[in-house]
Amino acid sequence: MDLLSLRYFQTVARLENMTKAAEMLHVSQPAISKLIGNLEKELKIKLFDRTGKYIRLNEYGKRFLAKVDLALQTLEDGKTELLDMAERPTGTVVIFIQVGSYLLPDMITLFRQLYPEAQFKLLQHESHPINPVFDLSISSSPFRIPGTESIPVLTEEIMLAVPSDHRLANRESIHLSELSEDSFISLKPGKQLRETTDSLCRAAGFTPRIIYECDEPSMVRSLVRSGLGVSFIPAVTWGGSQGSSVVLISIEEPVSTRTIEISWYTNRYMTNVAHKFRAFIQDYFKQSERIKK
């Protein structure tokens, strides 16, 4: 059992298709079939159920794949660690973005001014697998991914954004219950901010009447600017000022804040460049909070 066999098995197991696996690996299909057959002979057990030309990973194969994934990832981490020890970091940071996407381009630009060789791979919340693989995740508490450790980097105020001609636009602060009859513009269910703001409304004694649901913060802001409703706006991670046609009001009751965290897997090696970027994020948010104050 060699590394090549394990890598080929991993590809076939994920695709469950010999032809596609052969194309991806740039080898012939008979060679792939022979290699998988030899692996099954060595293990003395079938890893796939075969029906005609179709294959499906069976329970034995699923168990073996989990171990192969772990073994190959451990070897890759070991290679990366040796490169770091030799002061030749790979330079790629995989970030799982759940909040703060508005600020991330600025963070990356400033970081690359310090470390021009740094590269980034960004994973969006909507398209992530059940167990996403990343170096760092930016999220809001109390969200947790099993096997990770987190540190808070920012507590930001969640403000109410209203059109400039709204009846409360001249107020510096309000009780959220005063908006119980208003039309709200919100992110779609499943977003961390949506869960937080729905909870705030429940604490204020009402269910928000949501007339528009959006995928992106930019669309939420645009709809408020158009005078179509009110919305919740995180003071730092959504970019502060929304333009002259929108007024931001503090919510006095209930207390409306959220905590932004950085998370990482405790059982995976973290590269030098990922360590540096984690420290950079912490400092970046400290500076953002000072500027806001």
Protein backbone atom coordinates (compact mmCIF):
# COMPACT_ATOMS: atom_id res chain seq x y z
CA MET A 1 0.00 0.00 0.00
CA ASP A 2 1.74 3.16 -1.20
CA LEU A 3 0.85 6.86 -1.26
CA LEU A 4 -0.07 6.79 -4.95
CA SER A 5 -2.62 4.03 -4.31
CA LEU A 6 -4.12 5.98 -1.43
CA ARG A 7 -4.38 9.20 -3.44
CA TYR A 8 -5.98 7.38 -6.37
CA PHE A 9 -8.42 5.61 -4.04
CA GLN A 10 -9.29 8.96 -2.44
CA THR A 11 -10.17 10.45 -5.83
CA VAL A 12 -12.23 7.43 -6.97
CA ALA A 13 -14.04 7.31 -3.61
CA ARG A 14 -15.02 10.96 -3.80
CA LEU A 15 -16.19 10.81 -7.41
CA GLU A 16 -17.58 7.25 -7.37
CA ASN A 17 -16.78 7.15 -11.08
CA MET A 18 -13.74 5.42 -12.61
CA THR A 19 -13.87 7.38 -15.87
CA LYS A 20 -14.03 10.79 -14.19
CA ALA A 21 -11.29 9.78 -11.74
CA ALA A 22 -9.04 8.66 -14.59
CA GLU A 23 -9.58 11.97 -16.39
CA MET A 24 -8.84 13.99 -13.25
CA LEU A 25 -5.68 11.98 -12.49
CA HIS A 26 -4.56 11.91 -16.16
CA VAL A 27 -4.21 8.12 -16.26
CA SER A 28 -6.07 5.40 -18.13
CA GLN A 29 -9.23 3.88 -16.72
CA PRO A 30 -7.82 0.31 -16.82
CA ALA A 31 -4.86 1.50 -14.73
CA ILE A 32 -7.20 2.99 -12.12
CA SER A 33 -9.36 -0.14 -12.04
CA LYS A 34 -6.30 -2.37 -11.63
CA LEU A 35 -4.91 -0.23 -8.82
CA ILE A 36 -8.21 -0.25 -6.90
CA GLY A 37 -8.47 -3.99 -7.42
CA ASN A 38 -4.96 -4.54 -6.05
CA LEU A 39 -5.76 -2.33 -3.05
CA GLU A 40 -8.87 -4.38 -2.28
CA LYS A 41 -6.84 -7.60 -2.58
CA GLU A 42 -4.26 -6.24 -0.15
CA LEU A 43 -6.95 -5.23 2.32
CA LYS A 44 -8.84 -8.48 1.70
CA ILE A 45 -12.14 -6.62 1.53
CA LYS A 46 -14.24 -4.84 -1.10
CA LEU A 47 -14.34 -1.06 -0.79
CA PHE A 48 -16.94 -0.46 -3.51
CA ASP A 49 -20.26 -2.03 -4.48
CA ARG A 50 -20.36 -2.58 -8.23
CA THR A 51 -23.48 -2.68 -10.40
CA GLY A 52 -22.58 -2.95 -14.06
CA LYS A 53 -20.40 0.06 -14.88
CA TYR A 54 -21.48 1.95 -11.74
CA ILE A 55 -19.62 1.89 -8.43
CA ARG A 56 -20.66 3.06 -4.98
CA LEU A 57 -18.49 3.42 -1.92
CA ASN A 58 -19.71 0.88 0.65
CA GLU A 59 -19.52 1.11 4.44
CA TYR A 60 -16.03 -0.42 4.51
CA GLY A 61 -14.90 2.06 1.87
CA LYS A 62 -16.36 5.00 3.80
CA ARG A 63 -14.50 3.97 6.95
CA PHE A 64 -11.26 3.53 5.01
CA LEU A 65 -11.69 6.87 3.20
CA ALA A 66 -11.95 8.71 6.53
CA LYS A 67 -8.61 7.21 7.61
CA VAL A 68 -7.01 7.92 4.22
CA ASP A 69 -8.17 11.56 4.34
CA LEU A 70 -6.65 11.92 7.81
CA ALA A 71 -3.38 10.23 6.83
CA LEU A 72 -2.86 12.28 3.67
CA GLN A 73 -3.76 15.53 5.45
CA THR A 74 -1.30 14.69 8.24
CA LEU A 75 1.46 14.11 5.68
CA GLU A 76 0.60 17.39 3.93
CA ASP A 77 0.70 19.21 7.27
CA GLY A 78 4.07 17.60 7.99
CA LYS A 79 5.45 18.83 4.67
CA THR A 80 4.17 22.33 5.37
CA GLU A 81 5.67 22.30 8.86
CA LEU A 82 9.09 21.34 7.49
CA LEU A 83 8.90 24.16 4.93
CA ASP A 84 8.04 26.57 7.75
CA MET A 85 10.99 25.32 9.80
CA ALA A 86 13.20 26.00 6.81
CA GLU A 87 11.68 29.51 6.64
CA ARG A 88 9.98 28.74 3.35
CA PRO A 89 6.25 29.00 4.25
CA THR A 90 3.81 27.87 1.58
CA GLY A 91 2.11 31.25 1.81
CA THR A 92 -1.52 30.12 1.38
CA VAL A 93 -4.18 30.92 3.98
CA VAL A 94 -7.61 29.27 3.63
CA ILE A 95 -10.29 31.47 5.21
CA PHE A 96 -13.86 30.36 5.90
CA ILE A 97 -15.86 33.62 5.66
CA GLN A 98 -19.05 33.77 7.69
CA VAL A 99 -19.00 37.45 8.69
CA GLY A 100 -16.84 40.44 7.83
CA SER A 101 -16.66 39.90 4.07
CA TYR A 102 -16.93 43.69 3.60
CA LEU A 103 -13.63 44.18 5.46
CA LEU A 104 -11.73 41.17 4.16
CA PRO A 105 -10.43 42.70 0.89
CA ASP A 106 -8.93 45.59 2.87
CA MET A 107 -7.39 43.20 5.39
CA ILE A 108 -5.82 41.08 2.65
CA THR A 109 -4.50 44.12 0.78
CA LEU A 110 -2.83 45.55 3.89
CA PHE A 111 -1.44 42.15 4.89
CA ARG A 112 0.06 41.55 1.45
CA GLN A 113 1.86 44.89 1.71
CA LEU A 114 3.73 43.31 4.63
CA TYR A 115 3.97 39.81 3.12
CA PRO A 116 3.75 40.04 -0.69
CA GLU A 117 4.11 36.27 -1.15
CA ALA A 118 1.00 35.49 0.90
CA GLN A 119 -1.84 33.86 -1.00
CA PHE A 120 -5.44 33.36 0.02
CA LYS A 121 -8.26 30.91 -0.67
CA LEU A 122 -11.68 32.10 0.45
CA LEU A 123 -14.59 29.79 1.32
CA GLN A 124 -18.07 31.30 1.41
CA HIS A 125 -20.62 30.28 4.04
CA GLU A 126 -23.28 29.29 1.51
CA SER A 127 -21.12 26.77 -0.36
CA HIS A 128 -19.13 25.14 2.42
CA PRO A 129 -19.19 21.35 3.05
CA ILE A 130 -20.43 19.87 6.31
CA ASN A 131 -16.87 19.77 7.68
CA PRO A 132 -15.06 22.66 5.97
CA VAL A 133 -11.25 22.56 5.81
CA PHE A 134 -9.68 25.93 6.56
CA ASP A 135 -6.84 27.64 8.40
CA LEU A 136 -8.96 30.41 9.91
CA SER A 137 -12.68 31.09 10.18
CA ILE A 138 -14.24 34.48 10.87
CA SER A 139 -17.68 34.15 12.48
CA SER A 140 -19.91 35.59 15.18
CA SER A 141 -20.53 33.82 18.49
CA PRO A 142 -22.08 31.51 19.55
CA PHE A 143 -21.42 29.71 16.25
CA ARG A 144 -18.98 26.79 16.69
CA ILE A 145 -17.45 24.20 14.38
CA PRO A 146 -16.52 20.97 16.20
CA GLY A 147 -12.78 20.62 16.83
CA THR A 148 -12.01 24.34 16.73
CA GLU A 149 -10.79 26.91 19.22
CA SER A 150 -11.91 30.55 19.06
CA ILE A 151 -10.87 33.95 20.33
CA PRO A 152 -13.00 37.13 20.26
CA VAL A 153 -11.60 40.00 18.22
CA LEU A 154 -14.40 42.57 18.23
CA THR A 155 -17.71 43.39 19.90
CA GLU A 156 -19.68 45.62 17.57
CA GLU A 157 -22.95 47.46 17.96
CA ILE A 158 -25.86 46.38 15.79
CA MET A 159 -27.64 49.56 14.75
CA LEU A 160 -30.96 50.28 13.09
CA ALA A 161 -30.80 51.75 9.59
CA VAL A 162 -33.81 53.83 8.52
CA PRO A 163 -34.48 56.01 5.46
CA SER A 164 -33.74 59.69 6.12
CA ASP A 165 -37.45 60.55 5.96
CA HIS A 166 -38.43 57.88 8.51
CA ARG A 167 -40.45 59.07 11.54
CA LEU A 168 -37.56 58.11 13.88
CA ALA A 169 -34.74 59.49 11.73
CA ASN A 170 -34.07 62.42 14.10
CA ARG A 171 -33.57 60.14 17.11
CA GLU A 172 -30.14 59.17 18.47
CA SER A 173 -31.46 55.99 20.08
CA ILE A 174 -34.67 53.97 20.21
CA HIS A 175 -36.27 50.97 21.90
CA LEU A 176 -36.59 48.21 19.33
CA SER A 177 -40.22 47.67 20.31
CA GLU A 178 -40.99 51.03 18.64
CA LEU A 179 -40.39 49.28 15.28
CA SER A 180 -42.85 46.43 15.84
CA GLU A 181 -45.14 47.64 13.02
CA ASP A 182 -42.38 48.59 10.56
CA SER A 183 -41.37 46.75 7.40
CA PHE A 184 -37.95 45.12 7.69
CA ILE A 185 -35.32 44.28 5.11
CA SER A 186 -33.15 41.37 6.15
CA LEU A 187 -30.65 38.75 5.14
CA LYS A 188 -32.08 35.32 4.38
CA PRO A 189 -32.61 32.68 7.11
CA GLY A 190 -29.45 30.72 7.87
CA LYS A 191 -27.24 33.79 8.01
CA GLN A 192 -25.66 34.40 11.40
CA LEU A 193 -26.80 38.03 11.53
CA ARG A 194 -30.39 37.02 10.69
CA GLU A 195 -30.45 34.61 13.61
CA THR A 196 -29.10 37.32 15.92
CA THR A 197 -31.54 40.03 14.83
CA ASP A 198 -34.54 37.68 14.94
CA SER A 199 -33.56 36.98 18.55
CA LEU A 200 -33.36 40.71 19.29
CA CYS A 201 -36.86 41.22 17.94
CA ARG A 202 -38.20 38.35 20.03
CA ALA A 203 -36.56 39.92 23.09
CA ALA A 204 -38.37 43.17 22.20
CA GLY A 205 -41.70 41.31 22.12
CA PHE A 206 -42.46 41.02 18.40
CA THR A 207 -41.73 39.08 15.21
CA PRO A 208 -40.33 41.35 12.49
CA ARG A 209 -42.48 41.85 9.41
CA ILE A 210 -39.85 41.11 6.76
CA ILE A 211 -40.84 42.28 3.29
CA TYR A 212 -37.49 41.71 1.54
CA GLU A 213 -34.92 38.96 2.13
CA CYS A 214 -31.49 39.30 0.50
CA ASP A 215 -28.32 37.26 0.04
CA GLU A 216 -25.87 40.14 0.35
CA PRO A 217 -25.41 43.08 2.78
CA SER A 218 -24.98 45.42 -0.20
CA MET A 219 -28.51 44.66 -1.38
CA VAL A 220 -29.90 45.25 2.12
CA ARG A 221 -28.25 48.68 2.19
CA SER A 222 -29.52 49.53 -1.29
CA LEU A 223 -33.11 48.70 -0.40
CA VAL A 224 -32.98 50.84 2.74
CA ARG A 225 -31.50 53.72 0.71
CA SER A 226 -34.45 53.34 -1.66
CA GLY A 227 -36.82 53.91 1.27
CA LEU A 228 -38.38 50.44 1.14
CA GLY A 229 -37.94 49.56 4.80
CA VAL A 230 -35.67 49.49 7.83
CA SER A 231 -32.85 47.09 8.64
CA PHE A 232 -30.20 46.06 11.13
CA ILE A 233 -26.65 47.20 10.30
CA PRO A 234 -23.52 45.98 12.16
CA ALA A 235 -21.56 49.15 12.89
CA VAL A 236 -18.07 47.92 11.96
CA THR A 237 -18.23 44.86 9.71
CA TRP A 238 -20.83 46.39 7.38
CA GLY A 239 -18.86 49.53 6.77
CA GLY A 240 -20.21 52.36 8.91
CA SER A 241 -21.84 55.22 6.96
CA GLN A 242 -24.60 54.18 4.56
CA GLY A 243 -24.94 57.50 2.73
CA SER A 244 -27.03 60.64 3.28
CA SER A 245 -30.31 58.88 2.47
CA VAL A 246 -29.90 56.48 5.43
CA VAL A 247 -29.72 57.27 9.16
CA LEU A 248 -28.13 54.88 11.67
CA ILE A 249 -29.76 54.82 15.12
CA SER A 250 -28.49 53.10 18.27
CA ILE A 251 -30.78 50.51 19.83
CA GLU A 252 -31.08 51.26 23.54
CA GLU A 253 -33.19 48.24 24.43
CA PRO A 254 -32.54 45.35 24.12
CA VAL A 255 -28.74 45.63 24.11
CA SER A 256 -27.83 45.01 20.48
CA THR A 257 -24.29 43.79 19.94
CA ARG A 258 -22.50 40.80 18.49
CA THR A 259 -19.03 39.38 19.03
CA ILE A 260 -16.78 38.54 16.08
CA GLU A 261 -14.41 35.60 16.56
CA ILE A 262 -11.52 33.92 14.79
CA SER A 263 -11.52 30.12 14.89
CA TRP A 264 -9.02 27.43 13.88
CA TYR A 265 -8.77 23.66 14.15
CA THR A 266 -6.85 22.53 17.23
CA ASN A 267 -5.66 19.26 15.65
CA ARG A 268 -4.19 20.77 12.48
CA TYR A 269 -0.81 22.39 11.95
CA MET A 270 -1.04 26.14 11.38
CA THR A 271 1.48 27.65 8.98
CA ASN A 272 3.62 30.66 9.82
CA VAL A 273 1.71 32.83 7.38
CA ALA A 274 -1.64 31.77 8.93
CA HIS A 275 -0.27 32.61 12.39
CA LYS A 276 0.79 36.01 11.11
CA PHE A 277 -2.60 36.66 9.50
CA ARG A 278 -4.44 35.64 12.66
CA ALA A 279 -2.42 38.18 14.66
CA PHE A 280 -3.00 40.74 11.89
CA ILE A 281 -6.79 40.23 12.06
CA GLN A 282 -6.74 40.77 15.82
CA ASP A 283 -4.87 44.04 15.44
CA TYR A 284 -7.02 45.12 12.48
CA PHE A 285 -10.24 44.78 14.46
CA LYS A 286 -8.71 46.59 17.44
CA GLN A 287 -7.87 49.50 15.15
CA SER A 288 -11.39 49.39 13.62
CA GLU A 289 -12.98 49.55 17.06
CA ARG A 290 -10.77 52.49 18.07
CA ILE A 291 -11.67 54.35 14.89
CA LYS A 292 -15.39 53.72 15.51
CA LYS A 293 -15.10 55.11 19.02
